[in-house]
PDB file of N, CA and C in Angstrom:
ATOM      1  N   MET A   1       0.871  -1.173  -0.011  1.00  0.00           N
ATOM      2  CA  MET A   1      -0.019   0.019  -0.008  1.00  0.00           C
ATOM      3  C   MET A   1       0.922   1.268  -0.010  1.00  0.00           C
ATOM      4  N   ASN A   2       0.585   2.190  -0.863  1.00  0.00           N
ATOM      5  CA  ASN A   2       1.385   3.370  -0.947  1.00  0.00           C
ATOM      6  C   ASN A   2       0.977   4.396   0.080  1.00  0.00           C
ATOM      7  N   TYR A   3       1.757   5.446   0.215  1.00  0.00           N
ATOM      8  CA  TYR A   3       1.518   6.490   1.231  1.00  0.00           C
ATOM      9  C   TYR A   3       0.145   7.145   1.036  1.00  0.00           C
ATOM     10  N   GLN A   4      -0.229   7.437  -0.207  1.00  0.00           N
ATOM     11  CA  GLN A   4      -1.513   8.114  -0.450  1.00  0.00           C
ATOM     12  C   GLN A   4      -2.675   7.265   0.015  1.00  0.00           C
ATOM     13  N   ASN A   5      -2.636   5.979  -0.301  1.00  0.00           N
ATOM     14  CA  ASN A   5      -3.684   5.082   0.093  1.00  0.00           C
ATOM     15  C   ASN A   5      -3.700   4.933   1.577  1.00  0.00           C
ATOM     16  N   GLU A   6      -2.575   4.888   2.200  1.00  0.00           N
ATOM     17  CA  GLU A   6      -2.512   4.782   3.663  1.00  0.00           C
ATOM     18  C   GLU A   6      -3.092   6.047   4.339  1.00  0.00           C
ATOM     19  N   SER A   7      -2.798   7.185   3.769  1.00  0.00           N
ATOM     20  CA  SER A   7      -3.340   8.436   4.325  1.00  0.00           C
ATOM     21  C   SER A   7      -4.857   8.457   4.190  1.00  0.00           C
ATOM     22  N   LYS A   8      -5.352   8.062   3.028  1.00  0.00           N
ATOM     23  CA  LYS A   8      -6.795   8.038   2.874  1.00  0.00           C
ATOM     24  C   LYS A   8      -7.450   7.031   3.823  1.00  0.00           C
ATOM     25  N   GLN A   9      -6.817   5.949   4.049  1.00  0.00           N
ATOM     26  CA  GLN A   9      -7.437   4.932   5.007  1.00  0.00           C
ATOM     27  C   GLN A   9      -7.449   5.529   6.444  1.00  0.00           C
ATOM     28  N   VAL A  10      -6.402   6.214   6.865  1.00  0.00           N
ATOM     29  CA  VAL A  10      -6.338   6.802   8.166  1.00  0.00           C
ATOM     30  C   VAL A  10      -7.475   7.778   8.274  1.00  0.00           C
ATOM     31  N   VAL A  11      -7.658   8.627   7.283  1.00  0.00           N
ATOM     32  CA  VAL A  11      -8.771   9.641   7.311  1.00  0.00           C
ATOM     33  C   VAL A  11     -10.098   8.950   7.361  1.00  0.00           C
ATOM     34  N   VAL A  12     -10.343   7.936   6.566  1.00  0.00           N
ATOM     35  CA  VAL A  12     -11.618   7.241   6.565  1.00  0.00           C
ATOM     36  C   VAL A  12     -11.873   6.633   7.969  1.00  0.00           C
ATOM     37  N   ASP A  13     -10.846   6.024   8.528  1.00  0.00           N
ATOM     38  CA  ASP A  13     -11.093   5.415   9.850  1.00  0.00           C
ATOM     39  C   ASP A  13     -11.383   6.491  10.912  1.00  0.00           C
ATOM     40  N   ALA A  14     -10.726   7.647  10.817  1.00  0.00           N
ATOM     41  CA  ALA A  14     -10.975   8.728  11.756  1.00  0.00           C
ATOM     42  C   ALA A  14     -12.426   9.250  11.609  1.00  0.00           C
ATOM     43  N   LEU A  15     -12.864   9.423  10.316  1.00  0.00           N
ATOM     44  CA  LEU A  15     -14.199   9.928  10.075  1.00  0.00           C
ATOM     45  C   LEU A  15     -15.240   8.916  10.571  1.00  0.00           C
ATOM     46  N   LEU A  16     -15.012   7.637  10.429  1.00  0.00           N
ATOM     47  CA  LEU A  16     -15.936   6.674  10.938  1.00  0.00           C
ATOM     48  C   LEU A  16     -16.082   6.727  12.457  1.00  0.00           C
ATOM     49  N   LYS A  17     -14.959   6.960  13.082  1.00  0.00           N
ATOM     50  CA  LYS A  17     -14.962   7.128  14.574  1.00  0.00           C
ATOM     51  C   LYS A  17     -15.787   8.360  14.982  1.00  0.00           C
ATOM     52  N   VAL A  18     -15.640   9.452  14.209  1.00  0.00           N
ATOM     53  CA  VAL A  18     -16.399  10.639  14.498  1.00  0.00           C
ATOM     54  C   VAL A  18     -17.941  10.353  14.298  1.00  0.00           C
ATOM     55  N   ILE A  19     -18.244   9.723  13.266  1.00  0.00           N
ATOM     56  CA  ILE A  19     -19.668   9.389  13.001  1.00  0.00           C
ATOM     57  C   ILE A  19     -20.202   8.532  14.147  1.00  0.00           C
ATOM     58  N   ASN A  20     -19.477   7.515  14.577  1.00  0.00           N
ATOM     59  CA  ASN A  20     -19.946   6.608  15.597  1.00  0.00           C
ATOM     60  C   ASN A  20     -19.971   7.282  16.983  1.00  0.00           C
ATOM     61  N   SER A  21     -19.251   8.391  17.141  1.00  0.00           N
ATOM     62  CA  SER A  21     -19.290   9.055  18.447  1.00  0.00           C
ATOM     63  C   SER A  21     -20.364  10.145  18.525  1.00  0.00           C
ATOM     64  N   ALA A  22     -21.147  10.282  17.495  1.00  0.00           N
ATOM     65  CA  ALA A  22     -22.174  11.334  17.487  1.00  0.00           C
ATOM     66  C   ALA A  22     -23.166  11.096  18.606  1.00  0.00           C
ATOM     67  N   PRO A  23     -23.656  12.191  19.200  1.00  0.00           N
ATOM     68  CA  PRO A  23     -24.701  12.056  20.216  1.00  0.00           C
ATOM     69  C   PRO A  23     -25.869  11.269  19.699  1.00  0.00           C
ATOM     70  N   ASN A  24     -26.391  10.345  20.493  1.00  0.00           N
ATOM     71  CA  ASN A  24     -27.519   9.480  20.097  1.00  0.00           C
ATOM     72  C   ASN A  24     -27.191   8.499  18.981  1.00  0.00           C
ATOM     73  N   SER A  25     -25.910   8.245  18.769  1.00  0.00           N
ATOM     74  CA  SER A  25     -25.554   7.275  17.696  1.00  0.00           C
ATOM     75  C   SER A  25     -25.866   5.867  18.195  1.00  0.00           C
ATOM     76  N   GLN A  26     -25.899   4.927  17.290  1.00  0.00           N
ATOM     77  CA  GLN A  26     -26.216   3.540  17.624  1.00  0.00           C
ATOM     78  C   GLN A  26     -25.369   3.019  18.740  1.00  0.00           C
ATOM     79  N   MET A  27     -24.097   3.367  18.734  1.00  0.00           N
ATOM     80  CA  MET A  27     -23.162   2.854  19.726  1.00  0.00           C
ATOM     81  C   MET A  27     -23.459   3.415  21.138  1.00  0.00           C
ATOM     82  N   GLN A  28     -24.123   4.547  21.229  1.00  0.00           N
ATOM     83  CA  GLN A  28     -24.319   5.185  22.527  1.00  0.00           C
ATOM     84  C   GLN A  28     -25.770   5.030  23.027  1.00  0.00           C
ATOM     85  N   THR A  29     -26.639   4.497  22.212  1.00  0.00           N
ATOM     86  CA  THR A  29     -28.043   4.534  22.637  1.00  0.00           C
ATOM     87  C   THR A  29     -28.304   3.793  23.916  1.00  0.00           C
ATOM     88  N   SER A  30     -27.579   2.727  24.227  1.00  0.00           N
ATOM     89  CA  SER A  30     -27.819   2.000  25.384  1.00  0.00           C
ATOM     90  C   SER A  30     -27.551   2.868  26.661  1.00  0.00           C
ATOM     91  N   TYR A  31     -26.686   3.858  26.573  1.00  0.00           N
ATOM     92  CA  TYR A  31     -26.382   4.766  27.696  1.00  0.00           C
ATOM     93  C   TYR A  31     -27.418   5.822  27.861  1.00  0.00           C
ATOM     94  N   TYR A  32     -28.197   6.133  26.796  1.00  0.00           N
ATOM     95  CA  TYR A  32     -29.049   7.283  26.794  1.00  0.00           C
ATOM     96  C   TYR A  32     -30.527   6.992  26.849  1.00  0.00           C
ATOM     97  N   TYR A  33     -30.889   5.771  27.101  1.00  0.00           N
ATOM     98  CA  TYR A  33     -32.309   5.436  27.172  1.00  0.00           C
ATOM     99  C   TYR A  33     -32.792   5.652  28.600  1.00  0.00           C
ATOM    100  N   SER A  34     -33.959   6.252  28.667  1.00  0.00           N
ATOM    101  CA  SER A  34     -34.600   6.457  29.973  1.00  0.00           C
ATOM    102  C   SER A  34     -35.414   5.224  30.343  1.00  0.00           C
ATOM    103  N   ALA A  35     -36.135   5.303  31.428  1.00  0.00           N
ATOM    104  CA  ALA A  35     -36.950   4.191  31.838  1.00  0.00           C
ATOM    105  C   ALA A  35     -38.051   3.864  30.806  1.00  0.00           C
ATOM    106  N   GLN A  36     -38.453   4.881  30.053  1.00  0.00           N
ATOM    107  CA  GLN A  36     -39.494   4.612  28.997  1.00  0.00           C
ATOM    108  C   GLN A  36     -38.883   4.222  27.644  1.00  0.00           C
ATOM    109  N   ASN A  37     -37.622   3.897  27.640  1.00  0.00           N
ATOM    110  CA  ASN A  37     -36.916   3.503  26.433  1.00  0.00           C
ATOM    111  C   ASN A  37     -36.982   4.616  25.350  1.00  0.00           C
ATOM    112  N   GLN A  38     -36.916   5.850  25.759  1.00  0.00           N
ATOM    113  CA  GLN A  38     -36.888   6.963  24.826  1.00  0.00           C
ATOM    114  C   GLN A  38     -35.424   7.503  24.774  1.00  0.00           C
ATOM    115  N   PRO A  39     -34.900   7.687  23.575  1.00  0.00           N
ATOM    116  CA  PRO A  39     -33.569   8.295  23.501  1.00  0.00           C
ATOM    117  C   PRO A  39     -33.580   9.726  24.039  1.00  0.00           C
ATOM    118  N   ARG A  40     -32.500  10.079  24.674  1.00  0.00           N
ATOM    119  CA  ARG A  40     -32.422  11.443  25.230  1.00  0.00           C
ATOM    120  C   ARG A  40     -32.220  12.403  24.099  1.00  0.00           C
ATOM    121  N   THR A  41     -32.607  13.637  24.307  1.00  0.00           N
ATOM    122  CA  THR A  41     -32.418  14.670  23.318  1.00  0.00           C
ATOM    123  C   THR A  41     -30.964  15.186  23.405  1.00  0.00           C
ATOM    124  N   ILE A  42     -30.479  15.694  22.326  1.00  0.00           N
ATOM    125  CA  ILE A  42     -29.148  16.162  22.260  1.00  0.00           C
ATOM    126  C   ILE A  42     -29.087  17.629  22.799  1.00  0.00           C
ATOM    127  N   THR A  43     -28.303  17.879  23.791  1.00  0.00           N
ATOM    128  CA  THR A  43     -28.199  19.213  24.345  1.00  0.00           C
ATOM    129  C   THR A  43     -27.257  20.031  23.509  1.00  0.00           C
ATOM    130  N   ASN A  44     -27.315  21.341  23.788  1.00  0.00           N
ATOM    131  CA  ASN A  44     -26.392  22.287  23.128  1.00  0.00           C
ATOM    132  C   ASN A  44     -24.985  21.886  23.419  1.00  0.00           C
ATOM    133  N   GLN A  45     -24.681  21.580  24.657  1.00  0.00           N
ATOM    134  CA  GLN A  45     -23.335  21.175  25.062  1.00  0.00           C
ATOM    135  C   GLN A  45     -22.876  19.938  24.349  1.00  0.00           C
ATOM    136  N   ASP A  46     -23.734  18.899  24.259  1.00  0.00           N
ATOM    137  CA  ASP A  46     -23.397  17.705  23.492  1.00  0.00           C
ATOM    138  C   ASP A  46     -23.049  17.969  22.108  1.00  0.00           C
ATOM    139  N   PHE A  47     -23.899  18.787  21.492  1.00  0.00           N
ATOM    140  CA  PHE A  47     -23.724  19.132  20.064  1.00  0.00           C
ATOM    141  C   PHE A  47     -22.394  19.884  19.884  1.00  0.00           C
ATOM    142  N   ILE A  48     -22.162  20.920  20.649  1.00  0.00           N
ATOM    143  CA  ILE A  48     -20.956  21.754  20.500  1.00  0.00           C
ATOM    144  C   ILE A  48     -19.676  20.903  20.686  1.00  0.00           C
ATOM    145  N   ILE A  49     -19.653  20.053  21.694  1.00  0.00           N
ATOM    146  CA  ILE A  49     -18.535  19.230  21.912  1.00  0.00           C
ATOM    147  C   ILE A  49     -18.253  18.283  20.718  1.00  0.00           C
ATOM    148  N   TRP A  50     -19.291  17.665  20.202  1.00  0.00           N
ATOM    149  CA  TRP A  50     -19.159  16.804  19.105  1.00  0.00           C
ATOM    150  C   TRP A  50     -18.736  17.590  17.840  1.00  0.00           C
ATOM    151  N   LEU A  51     -19.344  18.711  17.679  1.00  0.00           N
ATOM    152  CA  LEU A  51     -19.045  19.573  16.519  1.00  0.00           C
ATOM    153  C   LEU A  51     -17.549  20.021  16.520  1.00  0.00           C
ATOM    154  N   ASN A  52     -17.021  20.319  17.666  1.00  0.00           N
ATOM    155  CA  ASN A  52     -15.601  20.657  17.815  1.00  0.00           C
ATOM    156  C   ASN A  52     -14.740  19.485  17.438  1.00  0.00           C
ATOM    157  N   TYR A  53     -15.164  18.278  17.870  1.00  0.00           N
ATOM    158  CA  TYR A  53     -14.461  17.039  17.492  1.00  0.00           C
ATOM    159  C   TYR A  53     -14.460  16.841  15.994  1.00  0.00           C
ATOM    160  N   VAL A  54     -15.623  17.027  15.355  1.00  0.00           N
ATOM    161  CA  VAL A  54     -15.776  16.928  13.946  1.00  0.00           C
ATOM    162  C   VAL A  54     -14.801  17.842  13.215  1.00  0.00           C
ATOM    163  N   ASN A  55     -14.857  19.113  13.643  1.00  0.00           N
ATOM    164  CA  ASN A  55     -13.964  20.097  12.992  1.00  0.00           C
ATOM    165  C   ASN A  55     -12.491  19.816  13.177  1.00  0.00           C
ATOM    166  N   SER A  56     -12.129  19.302  14.383  1.00  0.00           N
ATOM    167  CA  SER A  56     -10.703  18.969  14.589  1.00  0.00           C
ATOM    168  C   SER A  56     -10.252  17.863  13.697  1.00  0.00           C
ATOM    169  N   ILE A  57     -11.094  16.834  13.543  1.00  0.00           N
ATOM    170  CA  ILE A  57     -10.717  15.721  12.677  1.00  0.00           C
ATOM    171  C   ILE A  57     -10.666  16.157  11.251  1.00  0.00           C
ATOM    172  N   LEU A  58     -11.575  17.039  10.812  1.00  0.00           N
ATOM    173  CA  LEU A  58     -11.542  17.524   9.451  1.00  0.00           C
ATOM    174  C   LEU A  58     -10.302  18.355   9.182  1.00  0.00           C
ATOM    175  N   ASP A  59      -9.859  19.182  10.178  1.00  0.00           N
ATOM    176  CA  ASP A  59      -8.648  19.953  10.064  1.00  0.00           C
ATOM    177  C   ASP A  59      -7.444  19.040   9.947  1.00  0.00           C
ATOM    178  N   VAL A  60      -7.337  18.038  10.761  1.00  0.00           N
ATOM    179  CA  VAL A  60      -6.232  17.099  10.710  1.00  0.00           C
ATOM    180  C   VAL A  60      -6.237  16.311   9.397  1.00  0.00           C
ATOM    181  N   SER A  61      -7.447  15.938   8.956  1.00  0.00           N
ATOM    182  CA  SER A  61      -7.584  15.202   7.723  1.00  0.00           C
ATOM    183  C   SER A  61      -7.103  16.040   6.517  1.00  0.00           C
ATOM    184  N   TYR A  62      -7.456  17.309   6.532  1.00  0.00           N
ATOM    185  CA  TYR A  62      -7.014  18.160   5.400  1.00  0.00           C
ATOM    186  C   TYR A  62      -5.503  18.340   5.442  1.00  0.00           C
ATOM    187  N   ASN A  63      -4.952  18.526   6.635  1.00  0.00           N
ATOM    188  CA  ASN A  63      -3.494  18.707   6.791  1.00  0.00           C
ATOM    189  C   ASN A  63      -2.763  17.437   6.357  1.00  0.00           C
ATOM    190  N   HIS A  64      -3.402  16.272   6.575  1.00  0.00           N
ATOM    191  CA  HIS A  64      -2.761  14.977   6.309  1.00  0.00           C
ATOM    192  C   HIS A  64      -2.855  14.646   4.815  1.00  0.00           C
ATOM    193  N   THR A  65      -3.958  15.070   4.126  1.00  0.00           N
ATOM    194  CA  THR A  65      -4.176  14.623   2.781  1.00  0.00           C
ATOM    195  C   THR A  65      -4.168  15.738   1.749  1.00  0.00           C
ATOM    196  N   GLY A  66      -4.534  16.929   2.205  1.00  0.00           N
ATOM    197  CA  GLY A  66      -4.683  18.113   1.209  1.00  0.00           C
ATOM    198  C   GLY A  66      -5.843  17.995   0.324  1.00  0.00           C
ATOM    199  N   LEU A  67      -6.841  17.105   0.624  1.00  0.00           N
ATOM    200  CA  LEU A  67      -8.000  16.943  -0.261  1.00  0.00           C
ATOM    201  C   LEU A  67      -8.956  18.139  -0.095  1.00  0.00           C
ATOM    202  N   LYS A  68      -9.247  18.733  -1.201  1.00  0.00           N
ATOM    203  CA  LYS A  68     -10.254  19.872  -1.219  1.00  0.00           C
ATOM    204  C   LYS A  68     -11.621  19.441  -0.778  1.00  0.00           C
ATOM    205  N   ASP A  69     -11.991  18.195  -1.000  1.00  0.00           N
ATOM    206  CA  ASP A  69     -13.279  17.682  -0.523  1.00  0.00           C
ATOM    207  C   ASP A  69     -13.474  17.855   0.990  1.00  0.00           C
ATOM    208  N   VAL A  70     -12.364  17.716   1.695  1.00  0.00           N
ATOM    209  CA  VAL A  70     -12.403  17.873   3.172  1.00  0.00           C
ATOM    210  C   VAL A  70     -12.850  19.327   3.527  1.00  0.00           C
ATOM    211  N   LEU A  71     -12.266  20.295   2.821  1.00  0.00           N
ATOM    212  CA  LEU A  71     -12.637  21.677   3.075  1.00  0.00           C
ATOM    213  C   LEU A  71     -14.031  22.005   2.695  1.00  0.00           C
ATOM    214  N   SER A  72     -14.534  21.457   1.575  1.00  0.00           N
ATOM    215  CA  SER A  72     -15.906  21.734   1.172  1.00  0.00           C
ATOM    216  C   SER A  72     -16.894  21.107   2.171  1.00  0.00           C
ATOM    217  N   THR A  73     -16.527  19.915   2.664  1.00  0.00           N
ATOM    218  CA  THR A  73     -17.370  19.278   3.697  1.00  0.00           C
ATOM    219  C   THR A  73     -17.423  20.113   4.973  1.00  0.00           C
ATOM    220  N   LYS A  74     -16.286  20.677   5.326  1.00  0.00           N
ATOM    221  CA  LYS A  74     -16.219  21.497   6.540  1.00  0.00           C
ATOM    222  C   LYS A  74     -17.075  22.696   6.379  1.00  0.00           C
ATOM    223  N   VAL A  75     -17.119  23.324   5.179  1.00  0.00           N
ATOM    224  CA  VAL A  75     -17.974  24.473   4.956  1.00  0.00           C
ATOM    225  C   VAL A  75     -19.442  24.077   5.065  1.00  0.00           C
ATOM    226  N   ASN A  76     -19.793  22.955   4.435  1.00  0.00           N
ATOM    227  CA  ASN A  76     -21.200  22.464   4.531  1.00  0.00           C
ATOM    228  C   ASN A  76     -21.571  22.171   5.959  1.00  0.00           C
ATOM    229  N   ILE A  77     -20.721  21.588   6.726  1.00  0.00           N
ATOM    230  CA  ILE A  77     -21.026  21.257   8.145  1.00  0.00           C
ATOM    231  C   ILE A  77     -21.173  22.578   8.911  1.00  0.00           C
ATOM    232  N   SER A  78     -20.360  23.535   8.643  1.00  0.00           N
ATOM    233  CA  SER A  78     -20.496  24.834   9.369  1.00  0.00           C
ATOM    234  C   SER A  78     -21.891  25.438   9.053  1.00  0.00           C
ATOM    235  N   GLN A  79     -22.311  25.392   7.808  1.00  0.00           N
ATOM    236  CA  GLN A  79     -23.670  25.942   7.492  1.00  0.00           C
ATOM    237  C   GLN A  79     -24.738  25.151   8.206  1.00  0.00           C
ATOM    238  N   ILE A  80     -24.624  23.795   8.238  1.00  0.00           N
ATOM    239  CA  ILE A  80     -25.593  23.018   8.979  1.00  0.00           C
ATOM    240  C   ILE A  80     -25.662  23.401  10.447  1.00  0.00           C
ATOM    241  N   SER A  81     -24.468  23.559  11.036  1.00  0.00           N
ATOM    242  CA  SER A  81     -24.422  23.805  12.474  1.00  0.00           C
ATOM    243  C   SER A  81     -25.081  25.116  12.902  1.00  0.00           C
ATOM    244  N   TYR A  82     -25.161  26.062  11.942  1.00  0.00           N
ATOM    245  CA  TYR A  82     -25.813  27.395  12.281  1.00  0.00           C
ATOM    246  C   TYR A  82     -27.291  27.431  11.954  1.00  0.00           C
ATOM    247  N   GLN A  83     -27.899  26.360  11.610  1.00  0.00           N
ATOM    248  CA  GLN A  83     -29.313  26.305  11.294  1.00  0.00           C
ATOM    249  C   GLN A  83     -30.144  26.285  12.628  1.00  0.00           C
ATOM    250  N   ASN A  84     -30.447  27.420  13.160  1.00  0.00           N
ATOM    251  CA  ASN A  84     -31.074  27.506  14.457  1.00  0.00           C
ATOM    252  C   ASN A  84     -32.486  26.998  14.491  1.00  0.00           C
ATOM    253  N   ASN A  85     -33.165  26.931  13.345  1.00  0.00           N
ATOM    254  CA  ASN A  85     -34.497  26.509  13.256  1.00  0.00           C
ATOM    255  C   ASN A  85     -34.600  24.942  13.114  1.00  0.00           C
ATOM    256  N   VAL A  86     -33.454  24.297  13.223  1.00  0.00           N
ATOM    257  CA  VAL A  86     -33.375  22.837  13.071  1.00  0.00           C
ATOM    258  C   VAL A  86     -32.901  22.257  14.387  1.00  0.00           C
ATOM    259  N   SER A  87     -33.469  21.128  14.861  1.00  0.00           N
ATOM    260  CA  SER A  87     -33.112  20.546  16.132  1.00  0.00           C
ATOM    261  C   SER A  87     -31.642  20.001  16.053  1.00  0.00           C
ATOM    262  N   TYR A  88     -31.044  19.877  17.248  1.00  0.00           N
ATOM    263  CA  TYR A  88     -29.694  19.299  17.320  1.00  0.00           C
ATOM    264  C   TYR A  88     -29.699  17.916  16.766  1.00  0.00           C
ATOM    265  N   GLU A  89     -30.730  17.144  16.953  1.00  0.00           N
ATOM    266  CA  GLU A  89     -30.819  15.807  16.417  1.00  0.00           C
ATOM    267  C   GLU A  89     -30.726  15.798  14.895  1.00  0.00           C
ATOM    268  N   GLN A  90     -31.498  16.691  14.248  1.00  0.00           N
ATOM    269  CA  GLN A  90     -31.512  16.810  12.776  1.00  0.00           C
ATOM    270  C   GLN A  90     -30.155  17.309  12.263  1.00  0.00           C
ATOM    271  N   ARG A  91     -29.563  18.302  12.990  1.00  0.00           N
ATOM    272  CA  ARG A  91     -28.271  18.791  12.572  1.00  0.00           C
ATOM    273  C   ARG A  91     -27.235  17.677  12.626  1.00  0.00           C
ATOM    274  N   THR A  92     -27.273  16.892  13.730  1.00  0.00           N
ATOM    275  CA  THR A  92     -26.342  15.816  13.878  1.00  0.00           C
ATOM    276  C   THR A  92     -26.442  14.807  12.743  1.00  0.00           C
ATOM    277  N   GLU A  93     -27.687  14.466  12.422  1.00  0.00           N
ATOM    278  CA  GLU A  93     -27.892  13.529  11.303  1.00  0.00           C
ATOM    279  C   GLU A  93     -27.392  14.024  10.009  1.00  0.00           C
ATOM    280  N   ARG A  94     -27.619  15.346   9.758  1.00  0.00           N
ATOM    281  CA  ARG A  94     -27.182  15.934   8.511  1.00  0.00           C
ATOM    282  C   ARG A  94     -25.661  16.009   8.420  1.00  0.00           C
ATOM    283  N   ILE A  95     -25.039  16.265   9.568  1.00  0.00           N
ATOM    284  CA  ILE A  95     -23.575  16.300   9.631  1.00  0.00           C
ATOM    285  C   ILE A  95     -23.002  14.917   9.372  1.00  0.00           C
ATOM    286  N   LYS A  96     -23.637  13.861   9.984  1.00  0.00           N
ATOM    287  CA  LYS A  96     -23.206  12.510   9.720  1.00  0.00           C
ATOM    288  C   LYS A  96     -23.324  12.154   8.243  1.00  0.00           C
ATOM    289  N   TYR A  97     -24.400  12.630   7.634  1.00  0.00           N
ATOM    290  CA  TYR A  97     -24.625  12.372   6.197  1.00  0.00           C
ATOM    291  C   TYR A  97     -23.487  13.021   5.363  1.00  0.00           C
ATOM    292  N   GLU A  98     -23.106  14.256   5.749  1.00  0.00           N
ATOM    293  CA  GLU A  98     -22.011  14.944   5.018  1.00  0.00           C
ATOM    294  C   GLU A  98     -20.700  14.149   5.168  1.00  0.00           C
ATOM    295  N   LEU A  99     -20.455  13.629   6.365  1.00  0.00           N
ATOM    296  CA  LEU A  99     -19.236  12.875   6.635  1.00  0.00           C
ATOM    297  C   LEU A  99     -19.214  11.578   5.854  1.00  0.00           C
ATOM    298  N   ILE A 100     -20.379  10.913   5.756  1.00  0.00           N
ATOM    299  CA  ILE A 100     -20.484   9.670   4.952  1.00  0.00           C
ATOM    300  C   ILE A 100     -20.200   9.977   3.499  1.00  0.00           C
ATOM    301  N   ASN A 101     -20.742  11.071   3.010  1.00  0.00           N
ATOM    302  CA  ASN A 101     -20.489  11.444   1.597  1.00  0.00           C
ATOM    303  C   ASN A 101     -19.028  11.764   1.402  1.00  0.00           C
ATOM    304  N   LEU A 102     -18.357  12.384   2.377  1.00  0.00           N
ATOM    305  CA  LEU A 102     -16.915  12.618   2.256  1.00  0.00           C
ATOM    306  C   LEU A 102     -16.147  11.317   2.158  1.00  0.00           C
ATOM    307  N   ILE A 103     -16.560  10.376   3.011  1.00  0.00           N
ATOM    308  CA  ILE A 103     -15.881   9.011   2.940  1.00  0.00           C
ATOM    309  C   ILE A 103     -16.065   8.410   1.575  1.00  0.00           C
ATOM    310  N   ARG A 104     -17.252   8.541   0.997  1.00  0.00           N
ATOM    311  CA  ARG A 104     -17.480   7.975  -0.376  1.00  0.00           C
ATOM    312  C   ARG A 104     -16.552   8.626  -1.372  1.00  0.00           C
ATOM    313  N   ARG A 105     -16.414   9.952  -1.322  1.00  0.00           N
ATOM    314  CA  ARG A 105     -15.565  10.634  -2.236  1.00  0.00           C
ATOM    315  C   ARG A 105     -14.092  10.287  -2.095  1.00  0.00           C
ATOM    316  N   ILE A 106     -13.700  10.097  -0.814  1.00  0.00           N
ATOM    317  CA  ILE A 106     -12.313   9.703  -0.600  1.00  0.00           C
ATOM    318  C   ILE A 106     -12.000   8.352  -1.116  1.00  0.00           C
ATOM    319  N   LEU A 107     -12.924   7.398  -0.943  1.00  0.00           N
ATOM    320  CA  LEU A 107     -12.726   6.024  -1.393  1.00  0.00           C
ATOM    321  C   LEU A 107     -12.891   5.966  -2.951  1.00  0.00           C
TER     322      LEU A 107
END
């Protein structure tokens, strides 16, 4: 495997970890269910912490690969994050969708 392919794989792995760490993600739902088996809502703090993590990984990914798709995804995610008329749950899902599309473009 050459360096470029290794770099892309590292970025894809990091993006998958970011997606899996999203508030209310499948991996976390067991921690967030109440007695009525309802998933908890995403708080502003949860969203901001995860969004900072997303942006950090995108910054490192761009520095590691130089792919312009990473920058365009970061811009799209920034626009999504400022949609105040949309719930944090919906914003989180839209950001995850953007990250999945980025993975597809990288691969």
